[in-house]
Amino acid sequence: MAEDMESNYLLVSYILKKDYNLLWAHDGEEALEIYRTHKIDIILMDMRMPRLGGLATAEQIRKTDHETPIIALTAFAFESDREQTEKAGCDDFVSKPINADLLLSKIRKYLPA
């Protein structure tokens, strides 16, 4: 999960801890480093982060990887925001505040049991 706000990371970690192992990147640069050095099944990507934002990070990943699902997590829920995330290479979109059931259903869509 790429997320600069600890409270958001803790919330998602609490939601997912029973079924998934979560790695935390504090910004896009760290997300790319974790992506390059670990086997990642799915990426949860905040859109607004320091150093390198989520859109640019997703675009970097998509230059070489078109398979790993990327779910955008953002406080901006307008249709134009969704379109920007799709253009950057995100497969799906969850707006903040995070709804636990919605997040889990999106993840299960890409990582079936």
N, C-alpha and C. Protein backbone atom coordinates (compact mmCIF):
# COMPACT_ATOMS: atom_id res chain seq x y z
N MET A 1 0.84 -1.18 0.00
CA MET A 1 0.00 0.00 0.00
C MET A 1 0.88 1.24 0.00
N ALA A 2 0.63 2.12 -0.94
CA ALA A 2 1.33 3.40 -1.00
C ALA A 2 0.39 4.45 -0.41
N GLU A 3 0.80 5.00 0.74
CA GLU A 3 -0.05 5.95 1.47
C GLU A 3 0.82 6.76 2.42
N ASP A 4 0.74 8.08 2.33
CA ASP A 4 1.57 8.92 3.19
C ASP A 4 0.96 9.20 4.55
N MET A 5 -0.32 8.98 4.72
CA MET A 5 -0.99 9.25 6.00
C MET A 5 -1.07 7.97 6.83
N GLU A 6 -0.43 8.00 7.99
CA GLU A 6 -0.41 6.81 8.84
C GLU A 6 -1.81 6.35 9.22
N SER A 7 -2.71 7.27 9.50
CA SER A 7 -4.06 6.89 9.90
C SER A 7 -4.78 6.11 8.80
N ASN A 8 -4.58 6.51 7.55
CA ASN A 8 -5.20 5.77 6.44
C ASN A 8 -4.58 4.38 6.30
N TYR A 9 -3.26 4.31 6.45
CA TYR A 9 -2.59 3.01 6.39
C TYR A 9 -3.10 2.10 7.51
N LEU A 10 -3.20 2.62 8.72
CA LEU A 10 -3.66 1.81 9.85
C LEU A 10 -5.08 1.30 9.64
N LEU A 11 -5.94 2.14 9.09
CA LEU A 11 -7.31 1.73 8.81
C LEU A 11 -7.33 0.57 7.81
N VAL A 12 -6.64 0.73 6.69
CA VAL A 12 -6.62 -0.31 5.67
C VAL A 12 -5.96 -1.58 6.21
N SER A 13 -4.90 -1.41 6.97
CA SER A 13 -4.22 -2.55 7.56
C SER A 13 -5.16 -3.32 8.50
N TYR A 14 -5.96 -2.61 9.27
CA TYR A 14 -6.93 -3.25 10.15
C TYR A 14 -7.98 -4.02 9.33
N ILE A 15 -8.44 -3.44 8.24
CA ILE A 15 -9.45 -4.08 7.38
C ILE A 15 -8.90 -5.36 6.75
N LEU A 16 -7.63 -5.33 6.36
CA LEU A 16 -7.07 -6.43 5.57
C LEU A 16 -6.27 -7.46 6.37
N LYS A 17 -5.96 -7.18 7.63
CA LYS A 17 -4.98 -7.99 8.37
C LYS A 17 -5.34 -9.47 8.49
N LYS A 18 -6.61 -9.82 8.49
CA LYS A 18 -6.99 -11.22 8.62
C LYS A 18 -6.69 -12.02 7.36
N ASP A 19 -6.72 -11.40 6.20
CA ASP A 19 -6.62 -12.14 4.95
C ASP A 19 -5.40 -11.81 4.09
N TYR A 20 -4.73 -10.70 4.38
CA TYR A 20 -3.65 -10.25 3.49
C TYR A 20 -2.46 -9.72 4.28
N ASN A 21 -1.28 -9.87 3.70
CA ASN A 21 -0.06 -9.24 4.24
C ASN A 21 0.12 -7.92 3.51
N LEU A 22 0.39 -6.88 4.24
CA LEU A 22 0.47 -5.54 3.67
C LEU A 22 1.86 -4.95 3.87
N LEU A 23 2.43 -4.42 2.80
CA LEU A 23 3.68 -3.66 2.86
C LEU A 23 3.31 -2.19 2.71
N TRP A 24 4.00 -1.31 3.47
CA TRP A 24 3.65 0.11 3.46
C TRP A 24 4.75 0.95 2.84
N ALA A 25 4.39 1.67 1.81
CA ALA A 25 5.26 2.68 1.21
C ALA A 25 4.68 4.04 1.59
N HIS A 26 5.55 4.95 2.04
CA HIS A 26 5.09 6.27 2.49
C HIS A 26 4.93 7.28 1.36
N ASP A 27 5.43 6.93 0.18
CA ASP A 27 5.30 7.81 -0.99
C ASP A 27 5.54 6.98 -2.24
N GLY A 28 5.42 7.62 -3.40
CA GLY A 28 5.59 6.91 -4.66
C GLY A 28 6.98 6.35 -4.89
N GLU A 29 8.00 7.07 -4.46
CA GLU A 29 9.37 6.59 -4.62
C GLU A 29 9.57 5.29 -3.84
N GLU A 30 9.09 5.27 -2.61
CA GLU A 30 9.20 4.08 -1.78
C GLU A 30 8.35 2.94 -2.36
N ALA A 31 7.20 3.28 -2.92
CA ALA A 31 6.34 2.27 -3.54
C ALA A 31 7.06 1.59 -4.70
N LEU A 32 7.76 2.36 -5.51
CA LEU A 32 8.50 1.78 -6.63
C LEU A 32 9.61 0.87 -6.12
N GLU A 33 10.29 1.27 -5.07
CA GLU A 33 11.35 0.44 -4.51
C GLU A 33 10.79 -0.88 -3.97
N ILE A 34 9.70 -0.82 -3.24
CA ILE A 34 9.07 -2.04 -2.72
C ILE A 34 8.59 -2.90 -3.89
N TYR A 35 7.99 -2.29 -4.88
CA TYR A 35 7.51 -3.02 -6.05
C TYR A 35 8.66 -3.77 -6.74
N ARG A 36 9.80 -3.12 -6.86
CA ARG A 36 10.94 -3.73 -7.54
C ARG A 36 11.60 -4.85 -6.74
N THR A 37 11.44 -4.84 -5.42
CA THR A 37 12.18 -5.79 -4.59
C THR A 37 11.31 -6.87 -3.94
N HIS A 38 10.01 -6.85 -4.15
CA HIS A 38 9.11 -7.82 -3.55
C HIS A 38 8.14 -8.37 -4.60
N LYS A 39 7.61 -9.54 -4.33
CA LYS A 39 6.54 -10.10 -5.16
C LYS A 39 5.24 -9.46 -4.68
N ILE A 40 4.65 -8.64 -5.52
CA ILE A 40 3.44 -7.90 -5.16
C ILE A 40 2.25 -8.47 -5.94
N ASP A 41 1.16 -8.76 -5.23
CA ASP A 41 -0.03 -9.31 -5.87
C ASP A 41 -1.02 -8.23 -6.30
N ILE A 42 -1.05 -7.14 -5.55
CA ILE A 42 -1.97 -6.03 -5.84
C ILE A 42 -1.40 -4.77 -5.19
N ILE A 43 -1.69 -3.63 -5.79
CA ILE A 43 -1.18 -2.35 -5.28
C ILE A 43 -2.37 -1.46 -4.93
N LEU A 44 -2.37 -0.96 -3.71
CA LEU A 44 -3.34 0.04 -3.27
C LEU A 44 -2.60 1.37 -3.27
N MET A 45 -3.02 2.30 -4.11
CA MET A 45 -2.23 3.50 -4.38
C MET A 45 -2.98 4.78 -4.04
N ASP A 46 -2.50 5.48 -3.02
CA ASP A 46 -3.00 6.83 -2.74
C ASP A 46 -2.59 7.72 -3.91
N MET A 47 -3.38 8.67 -4.25
CA MET A 47 -3.07 9.52 -5.40
C MET A 47 -2.24 10.75 -5.04
N ARG A 48 -2.42 11.26 -3.83
CA ARG A 48 -1.67 12.46 -3.43
C ARG A 48 -0.66 12.10 -2.35
N MET A 49 0.61 12.04 -2.77
CA MET A 49 1.70 11.71 -1.85
C MET A 49 2.89 12.61 -2.16
N PRO A 50 3.76 12.78 -1.17
CA PRO A 50 4.97 13.58 -1.42
C PRO A 50 5.94 12.86 -2.35
N ARG A 51 6.91 13.61 -2.85
CA ARG A 51 7.97 13.14 -3.74
C ARG A 51 7.46 12.63 -5.09
N LEU A 52 6.62 11.63 -5.09
CA LEU A 52 6.07 11.10 -6.34
C LEU A 52 4.65 10.66 -6.06
N GLY A 53 3.70 11.29 -6.74
CA GLY A 53 2.29 11.00 -6.50
C GLY A 53 1.86 9.68 -7.10
N GLY A 54 0.64 9.29 -6.78
CA GLY A 54 0.10 8.01 -7.22
C GLY A 54 -0.06 7.88 -8.71
N LEU A 55 -0.49 8.94 -9.39
CA LEU A 55 -0.64 8.86 -10.84
C LEU A 55 0.70 8.59 -11.51
N ALA A 56 1.72 9.33 -11.14
CA ALA A 56 3.06 9.14 -11.73
C ALA A 56 3.63 7.78 -11.37
N THR A 57 3.38 7.31 -10.16
CA THR A 57 3.87 6.00 -9.74
C THR A 57 3.20 4.90 -10.55
N ALA A 58 1.89 5.00 -10.72
CA ALA A 58 1.16 4.01 -11.53
C ALA A 58 1.68 4.01 -12.97
N GLU A 59 1.91 5.19 -13.52
CA GLU A 59 2.45 5.28 -14.88
C GLU A 59 3.81 4.61 -14.99
N GLN A 60 4.66 4.78 -13.98
CA GLN A 60 5.99 4.14 -13.98
C GLN A 60 5.85 2.62 -13.96
N ILE A 61 4.97 2.11 -13.13
CA ILE A 61 4.77 0.66 -13.03
C ILE A 61 4.23 0.12 -14.35
N ARG A 62 3.31 0.83 -14.95
CA ARG A 62 2.68 0.36 -16.19
C ARG A 62 3.64 0.36 -17.40
N LYS A 63 4.76 1.02 -17.29
CA LYS A 63 5.73 0.97 -18.38
C LYS A 63 6.26 -0.44 -18.60
N THR A 64 6.29 -1.25 -17.54
CA THR A 64 6.82 -2.60 -17.65
C THR A 64 5.87 -3.68 -17.18
N ASP A 65 4.82 -3.32 -16.47
CA ASP A 65 3.92 -4.32 -15.88
C ASP A 65 2.48 -3.93 -16.17
N HIS A 66 1.81 -4.77 -16.97
CA HIS A 66 0.41 -4.52 -17.28
C HIS A 66 -0.51 -5.51 -16.58
N GLU A 67 0.07 -6.33 -15.71
CA GLU A 67 -0.68 -7.40 -15.07
C GLU A 67 -1.06 -7.11 -13.61
N THR A 68 -0.13 -6.58 -12.82
CA THR A 68 -0.40 -6.36 -11.39
C THR A 68 -1.53 -5.35 -11.23
N PRO A 69 -2.62 -5.74 -10.57
CA PRO A 69 -3.73 -4.80 -10.38
C PRO A 69 -3.32 -3.62 -9.49
N ILE A 70 -3.78 -2.44 -9.88
CA ILE A 70 -3.56 -1.22 -9.10
C ILE A 70 -4.93 -0.62 -8.80
N ILE A 71 -5.21 -0.45 -7.51
CA ILE A 71 -6.46 0.19 -7.08
C ILE A 71 -6.11 1.56 -6.53
N ALA A 72 -6.67 2.58 -7.13
CA ALA A 72 -6.46 3.96 -6.68
C ALA A 72 -7.30 4.21 -5.43
N LEU A 73 -6.67 4.81 -4.42
CA LEU A 73 -7.37 5.24 -3.21
C LEU A 73 -7.25 6.75 -3.15
N THR A 74 -8.37 7.45 -3.18
CA THR A 74 -8.29 8.90 -3.23
C THR A 74 -9.47 9.58 -2.57
N ALA A 75 -9.22 10.74 -2.03
CA ALA A 75 -10.28 11.55 -1.45
C ALA A 75 -11.09 12.27 -2.53
N PHE A 76 -10.56 12.27 -3.74
CA PHE A 76 -11.23 12.95 -4.85
C PHE A 76 -12.05 11.94 -5.63
N ALA A 77 -13.36 12.12 -5.62
CA ALA A 77 -14.26 11.11 -6.17
C ALA A 77 -15.03 11.58 -7.39
N PHE A 78 -14.57 12.62 -8.05
CA PHE A 78 -15.26 13.09 -9.25
C PHE A 78 -14.95 12.16 -10.42
N GLU A 79 -15.81 12.16 -11.42
CA GLU A 79 -15.60 11.33 -12.60
C GLU A 79 -14.27 11.66 -13.28
N SER A 80 -13.88 12.93 -13.29
CA SER A 80 -12.60 13.30 -13.91
C SER A 80 -11.43 12.69 -13.15
N ASP A 81 -11.55 12.54 -11.83
CA ASP A 81 -10.50 11.90 -11.04
C ASP A 81 -10.40 10.42 -11.41
N ARG A 82 -11.53 9.76 -11.55
CA ARG A 82 -11.55 8.35 -11.95
C ARG A 82 -10.90 8.19 -13.32
N GLU A 83 -11.23 9.09 -14.23
CA GLU A 83 -10.65 9.03 -15.58
C GLU A 83 -9.13 9.20 -15.54
N GLN A 84 -8.65 10.09 -14.69
CA GLN A 84 -7.20 10.29 -14.57
C GLN A 84 -6.51 9.03 -14.05
N THR A 85 -7.13 8.36 -13.09
CA THR A 85 -6.52 7.15 -12.55
C THR A 85 -6.50 6.04 -13.61
N GLU A 86 -7.55 5.94 -14.39
CA GLU A 86 -7.59 4.94 -15.46
C GLU A 86 -6.52 5.24 -16.51
N LYS A 87 -6.39 6.50 -16.86
CA LYS A 87 -5.39 6.90 -17.85
C LYS A 87 -3.97 6.58 -17.38
N ALA A 88 -3.73 6.69 -16.07
CA ALA A 88 -2.42 6.41 -15.50
C ALA A 88 -2.15 4.91 -15.41
N GLY A 89 -3.19 4.10 -15.55
CA GLY A 89 -3.01 2.65 -15.53
C GLY A 89 -3.63 1.94 -14.35
N CYS A 90 -4.40 2.67 -13.54
CA CYS A 90 -5.07 2.01 -12.41
C CYS A 90 -6.24 1.18 -12.93
N ASP A 91 -6.44 0.03 -12.31
CA ASP A 91 -7.51 -0.87 -12.73
C ASP A 91 -8.83 -0.57 -12.06
N ASP A 92 -8.78 0.07 -10.90
CA ASP A 92 -10.00 0.33 -10.15
C ASP A 92 -9.79 1.54 -9.26
N PHE A 93 -10.85 1.91 -8.52
CA PHE A 93 -10.90 3.19 -7.82
C PHE A 93 -11.73 3.03 -6.57
N VAL A 94 -11.21 3.45 -5.42
CA VAL A 94 -11.98 3.49 -4.18
C VAL A 94 -11.79 4.88 -3.59
N SER A 95 -12.90 5.54 -3.31
CA SER A 95 -12.79 6.89 -2.75
C SER A 95 -12.72 6.82 -1.23
N LYS A 96 -12.07 7.84 -0.67
CA LYS A 96 -11.97 7.98 0.78
C LYS A 96 -13.11 8.85 1.25
N PRO A 97 -13.62 8.66 2.44
CA PRO A 97 -13.16 7.69 3.42
C PRO A 97 -13.43 6.25 2.94
N ILE A 98 -12.54 5.36 3.31
CA ILE A 98 -12.58 3.98 2.85
C ILE A 98 -13.75 3.22 3.47
N ASN A 99 -14.54 2.59 2.62
CA ASN A 99 -15.60 1.70 3.05
C ASN A 99 -15.01 0.29 3.04
N ALA A 100 -14.96 -0.38 4.19
CA ALA A 100 -14.30 -1.68 4.32
C ALA A 100 -14.87 -2.72 3.36
N ASP A 101 -16.19 -2.82 3.27
CA ASP A 101 -16.80 -3.82 2.40
C ASP A 101 -16.48 -3.57 0.94
N LEU A 102 -16.52 -2.31 0.54
CA LEU A 102 -16.20 -1.97 -0.84
C LEU A 102 -14.74 -2.28 -1.16
N LEU A 103 -13.83 -1.91 -0.26
CA LEU A 103 -12.41 -2.19 -0.49
C LEU A 103 -12.18 -3.69 -0.61
N LEU A 104 -12.74 -4.46 0.29
CA LEU A 104 -12.57 -5.92 0.24
C LEU A 104 -13.14 -6.51 -1.05
N SER A 105 -14.28 -6.02 -1.49
CA SER A 105 -14.87 -6.56 -2.72
C SER A 105 -14.02 -6.22 -3.93
N LYS A 106 -13.43 -5.02 -3.94
CA LYS A 106 -12.54 -4.64 -5.06
C LYS A 106 -11.29 -5.52 -5.08
N ILE A 107 -10.70 -5.75 -3.90
CA ILE A 107 -9.52 -6.58 -3.82
C ILE A 107 -9.85 -8.02 -4.27
N ARG A 108 -10.95 -8.55 -3.80
CA ARG A 108 -11.35 -9.92 -4.16
C ARG A 108 -11.66 -10.06 -5.65
N LYS A 109 -12.05 -8.97 -6.26
CA LYS A 109 -12.29 -8.98 -7.72
C LYS A 109 -11.00 -9.34 -8.46
N TYR A 110 -9.86 -8.87 -7.95
CA TYR A 110 -8.57 -9.10 -8.60
C TYR A 110 -7.78 -10.25 -7.99
N LEU A 111 -8.08 -10.59 -6.74
CA LEU A 111 -7.39 -11.70 -6.05
C LEU A 111 -8.44 -12.68 -5.53
N PRO A 112 -9.07 -13.42 -6.43
CA PRO A 112 -10.10 -14.35 -5.97
C PRO A 112 -9.51 -15.41 -5.04
N ALA A 113 -10.31 -15.83 -4.10
CA ALA A 113 -9.86 -16.83 -3.11
C ALA A 113 -9.57 -18.17 -3.74
